[in-house]
Structure formats: structure tokens, C-alpha cells
Amino acid sequence: MNAAIRRIEPLPLDRASSLSVRTLTHLRDLIIAGRILPMTWLRMADIAGGLGTSITPVRSALLALEREGLVEIAKARGVRVIPMTRADIRDAYLMHEFLCGEMAARAALTIDEPLLQACRALQRRMERALTQRSSETIDGLNWEFHRVINGCAHSPRLARMLRQVTRSVPHAFHRLVPGWSRKAMPHHRALIEALASGSAEAARTTAQLHVRVGCELLLVRLERSGYWKKGTHSPLSSSS
């Protein structure tokens, strides 16, 4: 088993999602977080073995990732990850930052007390999960926390745009990016207070800072993993 396959973690358990969705989300996360280094040729069977699943959902996921520009599929050689530059990542997060800021600003003008209480309850649960070092729990609660806030923006079009952009953000960010959980919690608390005060500008600024810090941590994670190290982008293996 080559080094690239050893970096592929088995699929997490999640009964709320289908196998195909879990496979796609997990593979996308591993690619964006640098767990599978670019320009490494892999066979679908090896990827399926690393994930602990069959080839069928892996093939479907890889075809979707190819359409997203994250992988290249070559019949004779297998699959390899297409390199992302630092500028690629910053550009994706720039759009993410704008959309999150705009939706938080709109939410500050419309959110009601029951939804504020829901945000506070989710935040308390995230804080407890942090003390228990349960990053998978935090990831699930985090997505729900932001879903509540984004829903208060009452903009289906912006929500669709945000869903497209967040494909460039690891779904399991708290699990895959060390240090993020402790930095994110103060941002969440500040965002709740901005929403409670009805300050659109404070909500926008806080949400944008939250995304910007996440981007910088992801870049640090990729640097430390050797993602852009000279020679990293040469094939480690061949399926031939």
C-alpha cells in the first residue's frame, strides 16, 4: 500500500446521508485538506479499499469531482488530484467571505429570539464537544449553526451561491484542520452577540473574519503537509 492510500481515511458513519453523498463529501474533504497529495496516480479499487466501500460510489464521486475540477481521470492510469495553488484557495475563500458576511448582515436585521436561542444552544453544545475533543460532533453542530443564521437572510439565491462556494471548504473542517475549533468558538460567540444587537455591520465583519481566519489556517495546514513542497507534484505511484 503506497503512502497516498494510507492517507485516505475510512468513511465516517453518518446514517443521515446516503453512501454516495458521504463518499463524495469525504473524498472532496480529503483532497481540499491535502490528505491526498496532488499529481498522485491512484486506482479506483485502492481508493475504495482505503474508504472501506465498493467501487460504485467511488466512481460516481470521482466523476463529480472531475466536473468540479479537483481530479483528473485517465483510463490507462487511474485518478490523480489536480493541484490547487494558494491563489485558487484564496479566491474561493474570498467569495465565501463575501457571501457569509452578506448573509450574516441580513440575518442581523431579521433574526428572532427563538432562533437566537437556537444559535446559543448549538454554540453551548459545540463548546461541550470541544472539551470532549469530539471534532466530528462539532462539525455537525457547526453546519447547523450556520444553516440557522443563513436561513434568516431569506435569500434563496444567495444560499444557492453559498452552497456552490462551500464545496471548496472541507465539510469536516474542525476534524481536518488542527486549531480551528478553538479559534472558531470566540467568533461564534461574537457573531451571536452581533445578531442579538441587530448590528448588520458587526455581524458582517465578524462573519468575514471567521472565514478569513479559516482560510489562513487551511493554508498553514497545506504548507505543513508538504502540499507545495518541491517534488510533491510528481507521481508517487502508477496504476499501470
Foldseek 3Di string as FASTA:
>chain_A
DDQQLVLQAAQDDDPVDDPLVSLLLSVLLCQLLCSRFFQAFDALCSNCVSRVHDSVSSVVSVVVVVVVVQWDQDPQWHIGGDADDLVNLVVLLVLLLQLQLLLLLLLLQFPDDVLLVVLVVLLVVLVVCVVVVNLVSNLVSVVVNSVSSSVSSVDPVSVVVNVVSCSSPRSSLSVSQPPLSVVLSVLSVQLSVSSVVSHSNSNSVSSSVSSVVSSVSSVVSCVVVCNVPPPSNHYPDTPD
